[in-house]
Amino acid sequence: MRMPLAATWHIHAFFIVCSVFLIACASTPEPIKVTSVPLPQSTWRGQYRYSYDKVLNVEPPGSIPVTISVCNPDYKVEESALLREAYKIVGKGWSASMGVDFDKVLIAKGMTTKGPFPTLDEITYADKKGSELALTPKVFINTDIKYVGGHALADGSNSQPGQKIYMGEYEPGKHWGMKEYEITITGWFVFVLQEPLSTEKMWIKRLELDEYKERGMECYEAEPAGYVQKGVFYQTGWSVTDRMIMDQKPDSVANALKRYYPSILEKLQTYIDVNELKELKEKVEEIRRLKRY
């Protein structure tokens, strides 16, 4: 018995609609779930300032008859990491802060000071002539950076070293990912006392800085990833680009310098010896007589 033509057409139409629906379901991915994950925040916010207020054995003002011109530590030493563009602002802030605290420490120890000055060259002739010594320290910082893995991924595995990982949405419509690093920081600090007019070095003390390690992130923009079918883009996930939006390495260096800061100032206090300074003052007077300053 043959079915009526109309019934046959309805059956064919039903199967066609079902087939189209199944194909559409198979080719259209599930909507991408968006998770809000804020970017890490800098504790420094670009303001690299330091302070120190622990002065040992305070002496009466001017009780030691020595005048010292104080210079900020020179952080632009050849091959130092602080010469790199990313770290210059860190080095500048740290150096200026330390110059101020060197000045406070020397005054508290009974000496007369001038400055602090950015460099020895920027001390005026009158101030050089009015100072027996100039404190002209230097700092050298080395950074060793390696990319690390171990971050837990959604599939239960861990990230590989150098792998960029999608994190989430940090602002409406803006997404990010990151790459993890470990930075190892080492270096040295040198205290130098010079005769300011001839620049002859009178006294040098070198301090090795302890190794400092820290982990952090390089943060990058992320954009939709997927495929195009018949002119339509179907998103399947997110791709982390090479467009960096935040780098925590300057803050890592700043954290290391913060760790070194009090130990350097404490060392300066232990290195100061009244009798030695008086001997240096006599040598300075001899140098100036010979050079007719």
Foldseek 3Di string as FASTA:
>chain_A
DDDDPVVVVVVVVVVVVVVVVVVVVVPADDDDDFDADADDDFPCNLQQAAEDDDAPPFDPAQPFVFEEAEEFAAACPPPAPCVDPLQVSNSVRLRVNLSVVLCVRCRRNHYHYHDHDHALVPDDPVVLVVGQKYKHKYKGKDKDKWWAKQCQDPVRDIGGGPDWAWDGANDVVWTKIKTKMKMKMWIKMKIWIASSPVRHTDDIDIGTADIDMDMDIFMFTKDFDADADPNDGHGDGIGGDPHTDDDCVNVVVSVSSNVCSVVVVVVVNVPDDSVVSVVSSVVSVVVCVVVVD
